Protein backbone atom coordinates (compact mmCIF):
# COMPACT_ATOMS: atom_id res chain seq x y z
CA MET A 1 0.00 0.00 0.00
CA SER A 2 2.75 2.48 0.88
CA ASP A 3 6.47 2.95 0.45
CA LYS A 4 6.50 5.07 3.60
CA SER A 5 8.37 3.80 6.66
CA ILE A 6 6.88 3.88 10.15
CA LEU A 7 9.06 3.64 13.27
CA VAL A 8 7.04 2.15 16.14
CA ILE A 9 8.22 2.40 19.75
CA CYS A 10 6.84 -0.23 22.15
CA LEU A 11 8.55 -0.42 25.56
CA ASN A 12 6.37 -2.91 27.43
CA PRO A 13 5.87 -5.95 25.16
CA VAL A 14 4.02 -9.10 26.22
CA LEU A 15 3.59 -12.74 25.38
CA GLN A 16 -0.14 -13.24 24.95
CA LYS A 17 -2.31 -16.33 25.22
CA THR A 18 -5.84 -16.13 23.88
CA LEU A 19 -8.12 -18.85 25.29
CA VAL A 20 -11.60 -19.38 23.85
CA PHE A 21 -14.31 -21.16 25.88
CA SER A 22 -17.82 -22.11 24.88
CA GLU A 23 -18.72 -21.28 28.48
CA LEU A 24 -16.33 -20.05 31.17
CA ALA A 25 -17.16 -21.31 34.66
CA ILE A 26 -15.75 -19.28 37.55
CA ASP A 27 -14.08 -21.29 40.35
CA LYS A 28 -14.04 -24.38 38.11
CA VAL A 29 -11.48 -26.13 35.91
CA ASN A 30 -11.91 -24.83 32.35
CA ARG A 31 -10.32 -26.63 29.41
CA THR A 32 -10.10 -25.52 25.81
CA GLU A 33 -8.52 -26.75 22.59
CA ASN A 34 -9.13 -23.33 21.03
CA HIS A 35 -6.11 -21.28 22.09
CA PHE A 36 -3.47 -19.09 20.44
CA PHE A 37 -0.06 -17.67 21.28
CA ASP A 38 1.18 -14.29 20.04
CA ILE A 39 3.79 -11.70 20.75
CA ALA A 40 1.79 -8.64 21.70
CA GLY A 41 1.63 -5.24 23.28
CA LYS A 42 0.14 -2.12 21.71
CA GLY A 43 3.13 -1.23 19.53
CA ILE A 44 3.63 -4.81 18.38
CA HIS A 45 0.02 -4.91 17.20
CA VAL A 46 0.59 -1.61 15.39
CA ALA A 47 3.70 -2.89 13.59
CA ARG A 48 2.00 -6.15 12.63
CA VAL A 49 -1.06 -4.43 11.14
CA ILE A 50 1.08 -1.89 9.26
CA LYS A 51 2.83 -4.84 7.59
CA GLN A 52 -0.49 -6.57 6.87
CA LEU A 53 -1.72 -3.34 5.26
CA GLY A 54 1.29 -3.38 2.95
CA GLY A 55 3.32 -0.74 4.78
CA ARG A 56 6.85 -0.85 6.19
CA ALA A 57 7.35 -0.75 9.95
CA GLN A 58 10.37 -1.00 12.20
CA LEU A 59 9.62 -1.92 15.81
CA LEU A 60 11.87 -0.60 18.57
CA THR A 61 11.28 -2.72 21.64
CA GLN A 62 13.05 -4.54 24.44
CA CYS A 63 13.01 -8.25 25.12
CA GLY A 64 14.82 -10.55 27.51
CA GLY A 65 14.65 -13.30 30.08
CA ARG A 66 13.89 -16.97 29.58
CA PHE A 67 11.48 -16.40 26.69
CA ARG A 68 13.59 -13.99 24.65
CA GLU A 69 14.33 -16.48 21.86
CA MET A 70 10.67 -17.41 21.60
CA PHE A 71 9.82 -13.72 21.20
CA LEU A 72 12.48 -13.22 18.52
CA GLU A 73 11.49 -16.36 16.61
CA GLN A 74 7.82 -15.35 16.58
CA ALA A 75 8.72 -11.89 15.25
CA GLN A 76 10.87 -13.48 12.55
CA ASP A 77 8.10 -15.89 11.57
CA GLU A 78 5.72 -12.96 11.14
CA GLU A 79 8.37 -10.90 9.34
CA ILE A 80 8.07 -8.11 11.90
CA HIS A 81 11.20 -5.99 11.53
CA LEU A 82 12.56 -5.70 15.08
CA LEU A 83 15.06 -3.21 16.43
CA PRO A 84 15.60 -5.19 19.65
CA ILE A 85 17.12 -3.90 22.86
CA PHE A 86 18.18 -6.81 25.06
CA THR A 87 17.53 -6.89 28.79
CA ARG A 88 17.76 -9.32 31.67
CA ALA A 89 14.17 -8.46 32.63
CA GLU A 90 11.61 -11.18 31.99
CA LEU A 91 8.93 -10.68 29.37
CA ARG A 92 5.49 -10.37 30.90
CA PHE A 93 2.46 -12.50 30.04
CA CYS A 94 -1.14 -11.59 29.25
CA TYR A 95 -4.10 -13.95 29.07
CA THR A 96 -7.30 -13.16 27.17
CA LEU A 97 -10.28 -15.31 28.21
CA ILE A 98 -13.14 -15.29 25.70
CA ASP A 99 -16.48 -16.65 26.90
CA ARG A 100 -18.66 -17.25 23.84
CA SER A 101 -21.87 -17.94 25.75
CA ALA A 102 -21.67 -14.75 27.83
CA GLY A 103 -20.08 -12.68 25.08
CA THR A 104 -17.37 -11.47 27.46
CA ILE A 105 -13.65 -10.84 26.99
CA THR A 106 -11.52 -10.87 30.15
CA GLU A 107 -7.86 -9.87 30.18
CA CYS A 108 -5.40 -10.91 32.89
CA VAL A 109 -2.28 -8.78 32.54
CA GLU A 110 1.05 -9.00 34.35
CA GLU A 111 2.88 -5.79 35.15
CA GLY A 112 6.23 -5.39 33.38
CA SER A 113 9.51 -6.32 35.06
CA MET A 114 12.08 -3.68 36.00
CA VAL A 115 14.59 -3.01 33.22
CA GLU A 116 18.18 -1.90 33.70
CA SER A 117 18.92 1.83 33.75
CA HIS A 118 21.31 1.61 30.76
CA LEU A 119 18.43 0.49 28.51
CA GLU A 120 17.18 4.06 28.26
CA TYR A 121 20.44 5.14 26.64
CA GLU A 122 20.26 2.20 24.23
CA VAL A 123 16.67 3.08 23.29
CA MET A 124 17.71 6.64 22.48
CA GLN A 125 20.71 5.47 20.49
CA SER A 126 18.54 3.15 18.41
CA LEU A 127 15.94 5.86 17.90
CA MET A 128 18.51 8.35 16.66
CA SER A 129 20.08 5.73 14.37
CA HIS A 130 16.77 5.03 12.62
CA LEU A 131 14.95 8.36 12.67
CA ASP A 132 16.25 9.55 9.30
CA GLU A 133 14.65 6.64 7.44
CA ALA A 134 11.25 7.06 9.12
CA ASP A 135 8.37 9.11 7.78
CA VAL A 136 6.21 8.72 10.90
CA VAL A 137 7.07 7.80 14.50
CA VAL A 138 4.43 6.02 16.58
CA ILE A 139 4.82 5.78 20.36
CA SER A 140 2.28 3.31 21.67
CA GLY A 141 1.57 1.96 25.13
CA SER A 142 3.13 2.11 28.56
CA LYS A 143 6.79 1.82 29.51
CA ALA A 144 8.27 -0.99 31.57
CA PRO A 145 9.40 -0.02 35.09
CA GLY A 146 12.96 1.33 35.05
CA PHE A 147 12.47 3.77 32.18
CA SER A 148 12.36 7.38 33.34
CA GLU A 149 9.45 9.81 33.00
CA LYS A 150 11.47 11.91 30.56
CA LEU A 151 11.96 9.14 27.97
CA TYR A 152 8.79 9.53 25.90
CA PRO A 153 8.90 13.36 25.86
CA VAL A 154 12.55 13.25 24.72
CA CYS A 155 11.62 10.76 21.98
CA VAL A 156 8.92 13.15 20.76
CA LYS A 157 11.33 16.09 20.85
CA GLN A 158 14.01 14.23 18.89
CA ALA A 159 11.50 13.14 16.26
CA LYS A 160 10.04 16.63 15.85
CA ASP A 161 13.54 18.16 15.70
CA LYS A 162 14.03 16.02 12.59
CA ASN A 163 10.64 17.10 11.20
CA LYS A 164 9.07 13.68 11.59
CA GLN A 165 5.33 13.23 12.04
CA VAL A 166 4.55 11.80 15.47
CA VAL A 167 1.54 9.74 16.57
CA LEU A 168 1.01 9.16 20.29
CA ASP A 169 -1.12 6.44 21.86
CA ILE A 170 0.01 7.02 25.44
CA ARG A 171 -1.63 8.42 28.56
CA GLY A 172 -1.10 10.12 31.88
CA LYS A 173 2.13 11.94 32.64
CA ASP A 174 3.84 10.49 29.56
CA LEU A 175 1.22 12.22 27.43
CA LEU A 176 1.08 15.49 29.35
CA ASP A 177 4.87 15.91 29.32
CA SER A 178 5.05 15.12 25.59
CA LEU A 179 2.49 17.67 24.44
CA PRO A 180 4.80 20.73 24.66
CA PHE A 181 6.93 19.18 21.87
CA LYS A 182 3.90 19.28 19.56
CA PRO A 183 3.21 15.74 18.35
CA ASP A 184 1.00 15.64 15.27
CA VAL A 185 -1.73 13.23 16.38
CA LEU A 186 -2.98 11.97 19.71
CA LYS A 187 -4.95 8.75 19.34
CA ILE A 188 -6.47 7.62 22.63
CA ASN A 189 -9.65 6.06 23.98
CA ARG A 190 -12.19 8.12 25.86
CA GLU A 191 -11.47 6.71 29.33
CA GLU A 192 -7.72 7.22 29.05
CA PHE A 193 -8.22 10.76 27.70
CA ALA A 194 -10.41 11.68 30.67
CA ALA A 195 -8.08 10.03 33.18
CA SER A 196 -5.06 11.83 31.69
CA PHE A 197 -6.57 15.31 32.02
CA TRP A 198 -9.00 15.00 34.93
CA GLY A 199 -7.81 12.02 36.95
CA ASN A 200 -10.51 9.47 37.68
CA LYS A 201 -13.31 12.02 37.45
CA GLU A 202 -16.30 11.54 35.19
CA SER A 203 -16.18 13.69 32.11
CA GLY A 204 -18.93 14.66 29.71
CA ILE A 205 -18.75 14.70 25.94
CA ASP A 206 -18.86 18.50 25.83
CA GLN A 207 -15.93 18.70 28.26
CA ILE A 208 -13.92 16.26 26.14
CA LYS A 209 -14.61 18.17 22.94
CA GLU A 210 -13.64 21.46 24.57
CA LYS A 211 -10.32 19.96 25.69
CA MET A 212 -9.69 18.60 22.18
CA LEU A 213 -10.01 22.11 20.78
CA GLU A 214 -7.75 23.49 23.51
CA LEU A 215 -5.07 20.95 22.60
CA TYR A 216 -5.36 21.88 18.94
CA GLU A 217 -5.08 25.59 19.66
CA GLU A 218 -2.21 25.29 22.16
CA PHE A 219 -0.10 22.50 20.65
CA GLY A 220 -1.44 22.01 17.12
CA VAL A 221 -2.18 18.37 17.93
CA ILE A 222 -5.03 16.53 16.23
CA SER A 223 -6.92 14.43 18.79
CA ILE A 224 -8.67 11.26 17.67
CA ILE A 225 -10.67 9.69 20.48
CA THR A 226 -12.21 6.24 20.21
CA HIS A 227 -14.79 4.55 22.43
CA GLY A 228 -15.23 0.95 21.30
CA ALA A 229 -18.16 0.66 18.92
CA ASP A 230 -19.37 4.18 19.77
CA GLU A 231 -18.66 7.40 17.90
CA VAL A 232 -15.11 8.53 17.19
CA PHE A 233 -14.35 12.18 17.93
CA TYR A 234 -11.62 13.94 15.98
CA THR A 235 -10.39 17.47 15.33
CA ALA A 236 -10.34 18.77 11.76
CA ASN A 237 -10.19 22.38 10.56
CA ALA A 238 -10.26 23.60 14.17
CA LYS A 239 -13.56 21.80 14.81
CA VAL A 240 -14.53 18.56 16.53
CA LYS A 241 -16.18 16.11 14.17
CA THR A 242 -17.66 12.65 14.70
CA ALA A 243 -17.61 9.38 12.79
CA GLN A 244 -19.53 6.18 13.45
CA PRO A 245 -17.66 2.85 13.26
CA PRO A 246 -19.35 0.08 11.28
CA SER A 247 -21.73 -2.20 13.14
CA LEU A 248 -20.36 -5.75 13.35
CA ASN A 249 -20.31 -8.92 15.42
CA SER A 250 -16.97 -8.60 17.19
CA LYS A 251 -15.08 -11.78 18.10
CA ASN A 252 -12.20 -10.15 20.01
CA SER A 253 -11.82 -6.43 20.66
CA VAL A 254 -8.25 -6.75 21.96
CA GLY A 255 -5.86 -4.95 19.62
CA CYS A 256 -8.58 -3.23 17.58
CA GLY A 257 -7.48 0.19 18.80
CA ASP A 258 -3.94 -0.66 17.73
CA ALA A 259 -5.16 -1.67 14.28
CA PHE A 260 -6.81 1.77 14.19
CA THR A 261 -3.46 3.38 15.09
CA ALA A 262 -1.65 1.40 12.39
CA ALA A 263 -4.01 2.60 9.67
CA LEU A 264 -3.86 6.13 11.08
CA ALA A 265 -0.05 6.17 10.82
CA LEU A 266 -0.11 4.97 7.24
CA GLY A 267 -2.77 7.50 6.32
CA LEU A 268 -0.72 10.27 7.91
CA ALA A 269 2.40 9.17 6.04
CA SER A 270 0.43 9.22 2.78
CA LYS A 271 -0.82 12.77 3.45
CA GLN A 272 -4.50 11.80 3.58
CA ASP A 273 -6.96 14.28 5.05
CA VAL A 274 -8.09 13.65 8.62
CA SER A 275 -11.60 12.48 7.70
CA GLY A 276 -10.18 9.98 5.20
CA ILE A 277 -7.68 8.74 7.78
CA VAL A 278 -10.43 8.20 10.38
CA ASP A 279 -12.61 6.29 7.89
CA PHE A 280 -9.67 4.06 6.88
CA ALA A 281 -8.73 3.49 10.53
CA MET A 282 -12.29 2.54 11.52
CA GLU A 283 -12.48 0.09 8.63
CA THR A 284 -9.17 -1.48 9.66
CA ALA A 285 -10.19 -1.75 13.32
CA GLY A 286 -13.40 -3.42 12.22
CA LYS A 287 -11.44 -6.08 10.34
CA ALA A 288 -9.38 -6.75 13.46
CA ALA A 289 -12.53 -7.18 15.58
CA LEU A 290 -13.72 -10.04 13.37
CA LEU A 291 -10.69 -12.21 14.23
CA ILE A 292 -9.96 -14.14 17.41
CA ARG A 293 -6.23 -13.49 17.47
CA PRO A 294 -5.40 -9.96 18.64
CA GLY A 295 -3.82 -7.13 16.70
CA ARG A 296 -4.15 -8.41 13.14
CA ILE A 297 -6.50 -7.98 10.18
CA PHE A 298 -6.00 -11.43 8.70
CA ASP A 299 -4.66 -14.73 10.08
């Protein structure tokens, strides 16, 4: 689809098991033959979907511990172009439990292990070595413990200093401290947007839209805010617009937001208008929702 190159930064990868049950019984032994293993994490999903869309992605991430080789082999099998930073820290695991009868999706997520302090320097060295060949930089997801609060803002600054387009799918202090360096697009879900700016307080749609316009006026950032199958809000021409995702029978919503981010990054690299980017991203996220395995648009 595109000859543009996307550099994706993912600093808290996981090994993910997806387990599908006809009926999940709490406090019982549950067995299934319908299960899948994937390397995962928000940025890994983004890089995978960019490749499946015909784009070129490089994935800057760390991996280590007893399952490092498994992680590397899986990336190689999927032809995901890794820029690996090696650590002694163990990779974390995530389990997705899908109950078909109840229509529920439950995620059990381990927190990341502490990485060594020197990894931050290695991340920055790798970023600077590969920035020139990138058209868009995507920073997606949380950081593992051990990385400092300044890392993501410095990454944004370095990318913007080289006139790269930057897409953020991060939250909280990482997001707030990155905004002064004027990333191009903030893609975030509604709950994380509200939590980032107002803590755990409830926020109304009007309040969210007002903040989106403030961010556009102050930092020039385009906000694109998703909310599952509900309306997407986005800023275009100094206004907040809405778009409705297609109605579909979702099989697994995990990674759909990352598929959205992948399409967004490619659309940005190709200089599409914001409305066209949002439509393309919603279509891509919809394809991901129809598959059991997370963060992909075809098996």
